[in-house]
Amino acid sequence: MSEDHILTTRGLRRTFAGFTAVDGIDLNIARHSVHALIGPNGAGKTTVFNLLTRFIAPTAGTIHYDGIDITRRQPAAIAQLGMVRSFQISAVFGHLTALENVRLGLQRRLGVSYHFWRSARVLDQLNDEAVELLDSVGLADLADTPAVELAYGRKRALEIATTLALDPKLMLLDEPTQGMGAEDVGRVGDLIKRIAAGRTVLMVEHNLSVVAKLADRITVLNRGAVLAEGDYAEVSNNRDVRQAYMGTENA
């Protein structure tokens, strides 16, 4: 594994009852970059995320993260190493306020678990940092709002804040703008660009305008295999990519 790469896979493969969902994928994710995984429906993008974070085990191949072989590590152990993911469906606690959601992430990171009877001094320390994180995603004025009352785009921003609370080295964002209107897409895109400074972001994203704006490098998947890789100009002009997306070489 090159020191320039925070994550690499070699021959990553996953089969389900004879169906090959991921077929021998090699990835090289550069440190402090935004790397996008794109491809048509059923290309294997989310399955790759599930393999990287060990929500499912690979049938074959290896995964190295920050110099460590994590191929057989458990999801919690991988998260503790600094690889943290989001999901397609917003995963926040609706009955808790925005502040309380972020504070849960901070409690986990700081080793004070979920003991709400901790001293006021400890909780005040967490509250201050939680407010800073909320401010970084544009939610400071909604700190006391229950998550269930937030608009969809704001919930996704809150989810990113809770992910940041774990102080990740590598953030895996699965369809961060899915289901959003144009205004929220722009807001979340700007947010991802800001938080990527000093971190590595690997994202699955269907919105190609977001990919064009954010991604330093793009890997295109099709039918579980790597179809193309490069910057946006390279992959968007690739005949095979146009064929996979549009069904025509002239699209």
Protein backbone atom coordinates (compact mmCIF):
# COMPACT_ATOMS: atom_id res chain seq x y z
CA MET A 1 0.00 0.00 0.00
CA SER A 2 1.41 3.39 -0.98
CA GLU A 3 1.64 6.00 1.78
CA ASP A 4 -0.16 8.34 -0.63
CA HIS A 5 -3.24 6.13 -0.43
CA ILE A 6 -5.37 5.85 2.70
CA LEU A 7 -7.45 2.96 1.31
CA THR A 8 -6.67 0.26 -1.23
CA THR A 9 -8.43 -2.91 -2.31
CA ARG A 10 -7.07 -5.75 -4.40
CA GLY A 11 -9.26 -8.28 -6.15
CA LEU A 12 -12.28 -7.37 -4.01
CA ARG A 13 -15.06 -9.79 -4.82
CA ARG A 14 -18.47 -10.72 -3.44
CA THR A 15 -20.86 -13.36 -4.67
CA PHE A 16 -24.39 -14.13 -3.47
CA ALA A 17 -25.75 -17.59 -4.29
CA GLY A 18 -23.88 -17.69 -7.56
CA PHE A 19 -24.47 -14.02 -8.48
CA THR A 20 -21.33 -11.87 -8.59
CA ALA A 21 -22.18 -8.44 -7.16
CA VAL A 22 -18.58 -7.19 -6.97
CA ASP A 23 -16.07 -8.68 -9.35
CA GLY A 24 -12.37 -8.24 -8.57
CA ILE A 25 -12.27 -4.50 -7.84
CA ASP A 26 -8.99 -2.66 -7.24
CA LEU A 27 -9.33 0.75 -5.61
CA ASN A 28 -6.70 3.33 -4.71
CA ILE A 29 -8.09 6.20 -2.64
CA ALA A 30 -5.63 9.09 -2.27
CA ARG A 31 -5.31 10.84 1.06
CA HIS A 32 -7.01 14.22 1.43
CA SER A 33 -9.04 13.80 -1.73
CA VAL A 34 -12.68 13.42 -2.72
CA HIS A 35 -13.13 10.16 -4.62
CA ALA A 36 -16.51 9.28 -6.14
CA LEU A 37 -17.93 5.88 -7.00
CA ILE A 38 -20.54 6.18 -9.73
CA GLY A 39 -22.38 3.85 -12.03
CA PRO A 40 -25.86 2.84 -13.18
CA ASN A 41 -28.33 1.14 -10.85
CA GLY A 42 -27.12 -2.30 -9.82
CA ALA A 43 -23.47 -1.50 -10.56
CA GLY A 44 -22.37 -2.63 -7.09
CA LYS A 45 -21.62 0.75 -5.49
CA THR A 46 -23.34 0.26 -2.14
CA THR A 47 -22.12 -3.34 -1.99
CA VAL A 48 -18.56 -2.00 -2.25
CA PHE A 49 -19.29 0.34 0.69
CA ASN A 50 -20.68 -2.59 2.67
CA LEU A 51 -17.53 -4.59 1.94
CA LEU A 52 -15.17 -1.75 2.88
CA THR A 53 -16.88 -1.32 6.25
CA ARG A 54 -17.37 -5.08 6.74
CA PHE A 55 -21.16 -4.93 6.94
CA ILE A 56 -20.73 -7.88 4.62
CA ALA A 57 -17.64 -10.05 4.24
CA PRO A 58 -15.78 -10.29 0.92
CA THR A 59 -15.74 -13.60 -0.89
CA ALA A 60 -12.18 -12.85 -2.01
CA GLY A 61 -9.67 -10.02 -2.06
CA THR A 62 -8.05 -7.71 0.48
CA ILE A 63 -8.76 -4.29 2.00
CA HIS A 64 -6.03 -2.12 3.49
CA TYR A 65 -6.81 1.08 5.37
CA ASP A 66 -4.13 3.47 6.61
CA GLY A 67 -1.50 0.74 6.42
CA ILE A 68 -3.60 -1.90 8.20
CA ASP A 69 -5.16 -5.01 6.70
CA ILE A 70 -8.83 -4.68 7.71
CA THR A 71 -10.17 -7.46 5.48
CA ARG A 72 -11.35 -9.46 8.49
CA ARG A 73 -11.94 -6.65 11.01
CA GLN A 74 -15.37 -6.08 12.51
CA PRO A 75 -17.35 -2.91 11.63
CA ALA A 76 -16.93 -1.35 15.09
CA ALA A 77 -13.17 -1.90 14.99
CA ILE A 78 -12.97 -0.28 11.55
CA ALA A 79 -14.93 2.74 12.78
CA GLN A 80 -12.56 3.08 15.72
CA LEU A 81 -9.68 3.30 13.25
CA GLY A 82 -11.28 6.39 11.72
CA MET A 83 -13.30 5.06 8.76
CA VAL A 84 -16.88 6.21 9.29
CA ARG A 85 -19.80 5.94 6.89
CA SER A 86 -23.23 7.38 6.31
CA PHE A 87 -26.18 5.59 4.71
CA GLN A 88 -28.63 6.27 1.90
CA ILE A 89 -31.42 6.73 4.45
CA SER A 90 -30.79 9.46 7.00
CA ALA A 91 -29.82 7.79 10.28
CA VAL A 92 -30.49 10.30 13.06
CA PHE A 93 -32.53 9.92 16.25
CA GLY A 94 -35.74 11.79 15.54
CA HIS A 95 -36.79 12.24 19.17
CA LEU A 96 -33.44 13.84 20.12
CA THR A 97 -32.50 17.41 19.35
CA ALA A 98 -29.82 18.23 16.80
CA LEU A 99 -27.44 18.99 19.68
CA GLU A 100 -28.18 15.69 21.41
CA ASN A 101 -27.61 13.73 18.19
CA VAL A 102 -24.17 15.24 17.73
CA ARG A 103 -23.35 14.83 21.41
CA LEU A 104 -23.94 11.08 21.13
CA GLY A 105 -21.17 10.93 18.55
CA LEU A 106 -18.88 12.97 20.77
CA GLN A 107 -19.59 10.78 23.81
CA ARG A 108 -18.61 7.72 21.81
CA ARG A 109 -15.40 9.33 20.57
CA LEU A 110 -14.35 10.73 23.93
CA GLY A 111 -14.88 7.46 25.76
CA VAL A 112 -17.64 8.65 28.09
CA SER A 113 -20.12 6.26 26.48
CA TYR A 114 -23.80 7.15 26.74
CA HIS A 115 -23.88 8.00 30.46
CA PHE A 116 -26.22 10.96 30.64
CA TRP A 117 -25.56 11.27 34.39
CA ARG A 118 -21.99 12.44 33.79
CA SER A 119 -20.97 15.68 35.50
CA ALA A 120 -22.20 19.00 34.15
CA ARG A 121 -18.60 19.93 33.39
CA VAL A 122 -18.15 16.98 31.03
CA LEU A 123 -21.49 17.51 29.32
CA ASP A 124 -20.84 21.24 28.96
CA GLN A 125 -17.57 20.41 27.24
CA LEU A 126 -19.46 18.14 24.84
CA ASN A 127 -22.18 20.74 24.29
CA ASP A 128 -19.67 23.39 23.30
CA GLU A 129 -18.03 21.11 20.76
CA ALA A 130 -21.40 19.89 19.50
CA VAL A 131 -22.49 23.47 18.84
CA GLU A 132 -19.26 24.09 16.92
CA LEU A 133 -19.96 21.05 14.75
CA LEU A 134 -23.54 22.13 14.17
CA ASP A 135 -22.26 25.56 13.19
CA SER A 136 -19.88 23.97 10.69
CA VAL A 137 -22.85 22.39 8.88
CA GLY A 138 -25.12 25.42 9.17
CA LEU A 139 -27.34 24.09 11.95
CA ALA A 140 -26.25 26.07 15.00
CA ASP A 141 -29.54 27.98 15.11
CA LEU A 142 -31.42 24.65 15.11
CA ALA A 143 -29.47 23.04 17.97
CA ASP A 144 -32.54 22.63 20.18
CA THR A 145 -34.83 21.43 17.39
CA PRO A 146 -35.86 17.75 17.47
CA ALA A 147 -34.37 15.98 14.46
CA VAL A 148 -37.82 14.79 13.36
CA GLU A 149 -38.81 18.42 12.75
CA LEU A 150 -35.87 19.17 10.44
CA ALA A 151 -36.34 19.36 6.69
CA TYR A 152 -34.83 16.44 4.79
CA GLY A 153 -31.75 18.31 3.61
CA ARG A 154 -31.09 19.55 7.13
CA LYS A 155 -31.36 15.99 8.46
CA ARG A 156 -28.64 14.93 6.03
CA ALA A 157 -26.51 17.85 7.23
CA LEU A 158 -27.11 16.70 10.81
CA GLU A 159 -26.03 13.18 9.87
CA ILE A 160 -22.80 14.60 8.47
CA ALA A 161 -22.28 16.53 11.72
CA THR A 162 -22.72 13.33 13.77
CA THR A 163 -20.22 11.62 11.46
CA LEU A 164 -17.77 14.48 11.97
CA ALA A 165 -18.22 14.08 15.74
CA LEU A 166 -16.38 10.77 15.42
CA ASP A 167 -13.38 12.67 13.98
CA PRO A 168 -13.01 10.45 10.90
CA LYS A 169 -9.90 10.24 8.76
CA LEU A 170 -11.99 8.73 5.95
CA MET A 171 -15.68 9.55 5.47
CA LEU A 172 -17.80 7.25 3.31
CA LEU A 173 -20.91 9.07 2.15
CA ASP A 174 -23.58 6.91 0.51
CA GLU A 175 -25.83 8.97 -1.79
CA PRO A 176 -25.61 12.16 0.34
CA THR A 177 -27.95 14.16 -1.94
CA GLN A 178 -30.49 11.43 -2.69
CA GLY A 179 -34.07 12.68 -2.67
CA MET A 180 -33.15 16.35 -2.32
CA GLY A 181 -34.42 19.38 -4.17
CA ALA A 182 -32.01 21.64 -6.02
CA GLU A 183 -31.53 24.05 -3.12
CA ASP A 184 -30.64 21.30 -0.65
CA VAL A 185 -28.37 19.60 -3.20
CA GLY A 186 -26.39 22.80 -3.54
CA ARG A 187 -26.23 23.31 0.22
CA VAL A 188 -25.06 19.76 0.97
CA GLY A 189 -22.58 19.87 -1.92
CA ASP A 190 -21.03 23.02 -0.48
CA LEU A 191 -20.97 21.37 2.94
CA ILE A 192 -19.13 18.30 1.66
CA LYS A 193 -16.58 20.53 -0.05
CA ARG A 194 -15.91 22.35 3.23
CA ILE A 195 -15.60 19.27 5.41
CA ALA A 196 -13.33 17.54 2.90
CA ALA A 197 -10.52 19.95 3.77
CA GLY A 198 -7.94 17.90 5.67
CA ARG A 199 -9.93 14.68 5.30
CA THR A 200 -10.53 11.99 2.73
CA VAL A 201 -14.05 11.52 1.38
CA LEU A 202 -15.22 8.49 -0.60
CA MET A 203 -18.73 9.02 -1.88
CA VAL A 204 -21.34 7.13 -3.83
CA GLU A 205 -23.36 9.75 -5.68
CA HIS A 206 -25.93 9.60 -8.48
CA ASN A 207 -26.03 13.36 -9.14
CA LEU A 208 -23.33 13.92 -11.74
CA SER A 209 -23.33 17.69 -11.29
CA VAL A 210 -22.35 17.11 -7.64
CA VAL A 211 -19.67 14.65 -8.74
CA ALA A 212 -18.30 17.12 -11.28
CA LYS A 213 -18.12 19.83 -8.62
CA LEU A 214 -16.56 17.81 -5.81
CA ALA A 215 -14.63 14.76 -7.03
CA ASP A 216 -10.88 14.80 -7.60
CA ARG A 217 -11.07 11.29 -9.02
CA ILE A 218 -13.92 9.07 -10.13
CA THR A 219 -14.26 5.30 -10.38
CA VAL A 220 -17.09 4.12 -12.62
CA LEU A 221 -18.58 0.72 -11.81
CA ASN A 222 -20.76 -1.41 -14.05
CA ARG A 223 -22.03 -4.90 -13.32
CA GLY A 224 -19.74 -5.15 -10.31
CA ALA A 225 -16.50 -4.30 -12.11
CA VAL A 226 -14.45 -1.14 -12.74
CA LEU A 227 -15.45 0.28 -16.10
CA ALA A 228 -13.33 3.44 -16.09
CA GLU A 229 -11.37 5.72 -13.79
CA GLY A 230 -10.06 9.26 -13.97
CA ASP A 231 -11.17 12.83 -13.45
CA TYR A 232 -14.61 14.01 -14.52
CA ALA A 233 -13.53 15.07 -18.01
CA GLU A 234 -11.94 11.69 -18.67
CA VAL A 235 -14.82 9.53 -17.49
CA SER A 236 -17.56 11.72 -19.00
CA ASN A 237 -15.93 11.40 -22.42
CA ASN A 238 -15.41 7.66 -22.14
CA ARG A 239 -17.48 5.73 -24.74
CA ASP A 240 -18.01 2.77 -22.43
CA VAL A 241 -19.27 5.04 -19.65
CA ARG A 242 -21.73 6.78 -21.97
CA GLN A 243 -22.94 3.41 -23.19
CA ALA A 244 -23.48 2.13 -19.64
CA TYR A 245 -25.36 5.25 -18.53
CA MET A 246 -27.26 6.24 -21.62
CA GLY A 247 -27.35 3.14 -23.78
CA THR A 248 -25.64 5.07 -26.57
CA GLU A 249 -22.08 6.00 -27.43
CA ASN A 250 -23.17 9.46 -28.60
CA ALA A 251 -24.86 10.67 -25.41
